[in-house]
């Protein structure tokens, strides 16, 4: 039961991370993507915390997060997208997915 609940929570984490990843601070000619850093750290941390409870929970959370991302990539009936095909969108997909997978599989060969 804990696996299902944490996987459902990870879907929500993925949706919130995608939403936050668009936040950028522009103090001048430089853009600082603080939302991208926060979303990658939050996504990886969710899996890492689950890994602290049980290794199988980390895989459940990682799978739930990936399902949440797939749900976002499908878009809506009106073509609404949260993950936009631009630099921030591609960076979020690549970095956050890598953080989730690495956090779930960390130490897998040694344990």
C-alpha atoms as a PDB file:
ATOM      1  CA  UNK A   1       0.000   0.000   0.000  1.00  0.00           C
ATOM      2  CA  UNK A   2       2.888   2.370   0.759  1.00  0.00           C
ATOM      3  CA  UNK A   3       4.285   1.813  -2.727  1.00  0.00           C
ATOM      4  CA  UNK A   4       1.027   2.909  -4.367  1.00  0.00           C
ATOM      5  CA  UNK A   5       0.633   5.955  -2.121  1.00  0.00           C
ATOM      6  CA  UNK A   6       4.206   7.125  -2.658  1.00  0.00           C
ATOM      7  CA  UNK A   7       3.960   6.530  -6.413  1.00  0.00           C
ATOM      8  CA  UNK A   8       0.792   8.658  -6.506  1.00  0.00           C
ATOM      9  CA  UNK A   9       2.597  11.325  -4.520  1.00  0.00           C
ATOM     10  CA  UNK A  10       5.454  11.207  -7.008  1.00  0.00           C
ATOM     11  CA  UNK A  11       3.017  11.981  -9.834  1.00  0.00           C
ATOM     12  CA  UNK A  12       2.112  15.163  -7.952  1.00  0.00           C
ATOM     13  CA  UNK A  13       5.812  15.933  -7.404  1.00  0.00           C
ATOM     14  CA  UNK A  14       6.427  15.626 -11.160  1.00  0.00           C
ATOM     15  CA  UNK A  15       3.551  17.975 -11.981  1.00  0.00           C
ATOM     16  CA  UNK A  16       4.674  20.557  -9.426  1.00  0.00           C
ATOM     17  CA  UNK A  17       8.311  20.258 -10.516  1.00  0.00           C
ATOM     18  CA  UNK A  18       7.370  20.898 -14.146  1.00  0.00           C
ATOM     19  CA  UNK A  19       5.367  23.923 -13.107  1.00  0.00           C
ATOM     20  CA  UNK A  20       8.173  25.368 -10.954  1.00  0.00           C
ATOM     21  CA  UNK A  21      10.856  24.649 -13.585  1.00  0.00           C
ATOM     22  CA  UNK A  22       9.646  27.598 -15.683  1.00  0.00           C
ATOM     23  CA  UNK A  23      10.599  30.186 -13.028  1.00  0.00           C
ATOM     24  CA  UNK A  24      13.511  32.402 -14.076  1.00  0.00           C
ATOM     25  CA  UNK A  25      14.979  35.443 -12.377  1.00  0.00           C
ATOM     26  CA  UNK A  26      16.130  38.101 -14.839  1.00  0.00           C
ATOM     27  CA  UNK A  27      18.130  40.757 -12.978  1.00  0.00           C
ATOM     28  CA  UNK A  28      19.501  42.157 -16.234  1.00  0.00           C
ATOM     29  CA  UNK A  29      20.914  40.585 -19.370  1.00  0.00           C
ATOM     30  CA  UNK A  30      21.501  37.309 -17.493  1.00  0.00           C
ATOM     31  CA  UNK A  31      18.733  34.794 -16.776  1.00  0.00           C
ATOM     32  CA  UNK A  32      19.050  32.622 -13.678  1.00  0.00           C
ATOM     33  CA  UNK A  33      16.817  29.514 -13.901  1.00  0.00           C
ATOM     34  CA  UNK A  34      16.260  29.013 -10.165  1.00  0.00           C
ATOM     35  CA  UNK A  35      13.049  27.082 -10.813  1.00  0.00           C
ATOM     36  CA  UNK A  36      14.906  24.511 -12.885  1.00  0.00           C
ATOM     37  CA  UNK A  37      17.426  23.930 -10.104  1.00  0.00           C
ATOM     38  CA  UNK A  38      14.642  23.664  -7.508  1.00  0.00           C
ATOM     39  CA  UNK A  39      12.611  21.232  -9.603  1.00  0.00           C
ATOM     40  CA  UNK A  40      15.591  18.950 -10.293  1.00  0.00           C
ATOM     41  CA  UNK A  41      16.615  18.973  -6.631  1.00  0.00           C
ATOM     42  CA  UNK A  42      13.056  18.343  -5.452  1.00  0.00           C
ATOM     43  CA  UNK A  43      12.474  15.485  -7.866  1.00  0.00           C
ATOM     44  CA  UNK A  44      15.720  13.763  -6.938  1.00  0.00           C
ATOM     45  CA  UNK A  45      15.102  14.368  -3.233  1.00  0.00           C
ATOM     46  CA  UNK A  46      11.686  12.722  -3.349  1.00  0.00           C
ATOM     47  CA  UNK A  47      13.272   9.527  -4.650  1.00  0.00           C
ATOM     48  CA  UNK A  48      16.237   9.802  -2.274  1.00  0.00           C
ATOM     49  CA  UNK A  49      13.948  10.138   0.766  1.00  0.00           C
ATOM     50  CA  UNK A  50      11.942   7.096  -0.354  1.00  0.00           C
ATOM     51  CA  UNK A  51      15.215   5.219  -0.777  1.00  0.00           C
ATOM     52  CA  UNK A  52      15.987   5.932   2.869  1.00  0.00           C
ATOM     53  CA  UNK A  53      12.834   4.047   3.839  1.00  0.00           C
ATOM     54  CA  UNK A  54      13.240   1.061   1.499  1.00  0.00           C
ATOM     55  CA  UNK A  55      14.966   0.450  -1.805  1.00  0.00           C
ATOM     56  CA  UNK A  56      11.779  -0.804  -3.445  1.00  0.00           C
ATOM     57  CA  UNK A  57      10.031   2.433  -2.456  1.00  0.00           C
ATOM     58  CA  UNK A  58      12.603   4.447  -4.396  1.00  0.00           C
ATOM     59  CA  UNK A  59      11.762   2.520  -7.553  1.00  0.00           C
ATOM     60  CA  UNK A  60       8.037   3.021  -6.947  1.00  0.00           C
ATOM     61  CA  UNK A  61       8.556   6.769  -6.532  1.00  0.00           C
ATOM     62  CA  UNK A  62      10.768   6.938  -9.626  1.00  0.00           C
ATOM     63  CA  UNK A  63       8.149   5.068 -11.663  1.00  0.00           C
ATOM     64  CA  UNK A  64       5.398   7.358 -10.386  1.00  0.00           C
ATOM     65  CA  UNK A  65       7.467  10.419 -11.247  1.00  0.00           C
ATOM     66  CA  UNK A  66       8.075   9.165 -14.789  1.00  0.00           C
ATOM     67  CA  UNK A  67       4.353   8.419 -15.218  1.00  0.00           C
ATOM     68  CA  UNK A  68       3.608  11.978 -14.064  1.00  0.00           C
ATOM     69  CA  UNK A  69       6.054  13.374 -16.607  1.00  0.00           C
ATOM     70  CA  UNK A  70       4.511  11.237 -19.362  1.00  0.00           C
ATOM     71  CA  UNK A  71       1.093  12.583 -18.362  1.00  0.00           C
ATOM     72  CA  UNK A  72       2.399  16.137 -18.762  1.00  0.00           C
ATOM     73  CA  UNK A  73       3.975  15.452 -22.132  1.00  0.00           C
ATOM     74  CA  UNK A  74       0.690  14.169 -23.555  1.00  0.00           C
ATOM     75  CA  UNK A  75      -0.863  17.651 -23.387  1.00  0.00           C
ATOM     76  CA  UNK A  76      -4.522  18.467 -23.167  1.00  0.00           C
ATOM     77  CA  UNK A  77      -7.357  18.497 -25.689  1.00  0.00           C
ATOM     78  CA  UNK A  78      -6.716  22.159 -26.468  1.00  0.00           C
ATOM     79  CA  UNK A  79      -3.001  21.621 -26.940  1.00  0.00           C
ATOM     80  CA  UNK A  80      -2.122  22.946 -23.483  1.00  0.00           C
ATOM     81  CA  UNK A  81       1.396  22.078 -22.435  1.00  0.00           C
ATOM     82  CA  UNK A  82       3.255  22.511 -19.181  1.00  0.00           C
ATOM     83  CA  UNK A  83       6.569  21.211 -20.501  1.00  0.00           C
ATOM     84  CA  UNK A  84       7.267  23.511 -23.447  1.00  0.00           C
ATOM     85  CA  UNK A  85       9.685  22.514 -26.208  1.00  0.00           C
ATOM     86  CA  UNK A  86      12.367  25.092 -25.434  1.00  0.00           C
ATOM     87  CA  UNK A  87      15.679  25.131 -23.584  1.00  0.00           C
ATOM     88  CA  UNK A  88      14.085  25.129 -20.124  1.00  0.00           C
ATOM     89  CA  UNK A  89      11.673  22.352 -21.051  1.00  0.00           C
ATOM     90  CA  UNK A  90      14.344  20.101 -22.507  1.00  0.00           C
ATOM     91  CA  UNK A  91      16.706  20.824 -19.614  1.00  0.00           C
ATOM     92  CA  UNK A  92      13.970  19.940 -17.125  1.00  0.00           C
ATOM     93  CA  UNK A  93      13.153  16.675 -18.873  1.00  0.00           C
ATOM     94  CA  UNK A  94      16.796  15.623 -19.158  1.00  0.00           C
ATOM     95  CA  UNK A  95      18.138  16.774 -15.788  1.00  0.00           C
ATOM     96  CA  UNK A  96      15.168  15.844 -13.617  1.00  0.00           C
ATOM     97  CA  UNK A  97      14.738  12.437 -15.235  1.00  0.00           C
ATOM     98  CA  UNK A  98      18.450  11.759 -14.798  1.00  0.00           C
ATOM     99  CA  UNK A  99      18.263  12.862 -11.142  1.00  0.00           C
ATOM    100  CA  UNK A 100      15.304  10.562 -10.497  1.00  0.00           C
ATOM    101  CA  UNK A 101      16.915   7.556 -12.168  1.00  0.00           C
ATOM    102  CA  UNK A 102      20.292   8.086 -10.489  1.00  0.00           C
ATOM    103  CA  UNK A 103      18.668   8.566  -7.066  1.00  0.00           C
ATOM    104  CA  UNK A 104      16.669   5.346  -7.492  1.00  0.00           C
ATOM    105  CA  UNK A 105      19.609   3.277  -8.669  1.00  0.00           C
ATOM    106  CA  UNK A 106      22.357   4.770  -6.479  1.00  0.00           C
ATOM    107  CA  UNK A 107      24.538   2.044  -5.033  1.00  0.00           C
ATOM    108  CA  UNK A 108      22.694  -0.675  -6.906  1.00  0.00           C
ATOM    109  CA  UNK A 109      25.818  -2.648  -7.804  1.00  0.00           C
ATOM    110  CA  UNK A 110      27.245  -2.583  -4.289  1.00  0.00           C
ATOM    111  CA  UNK A 111      24.178  -3.509  -2.249  1.00  0.00           C
END
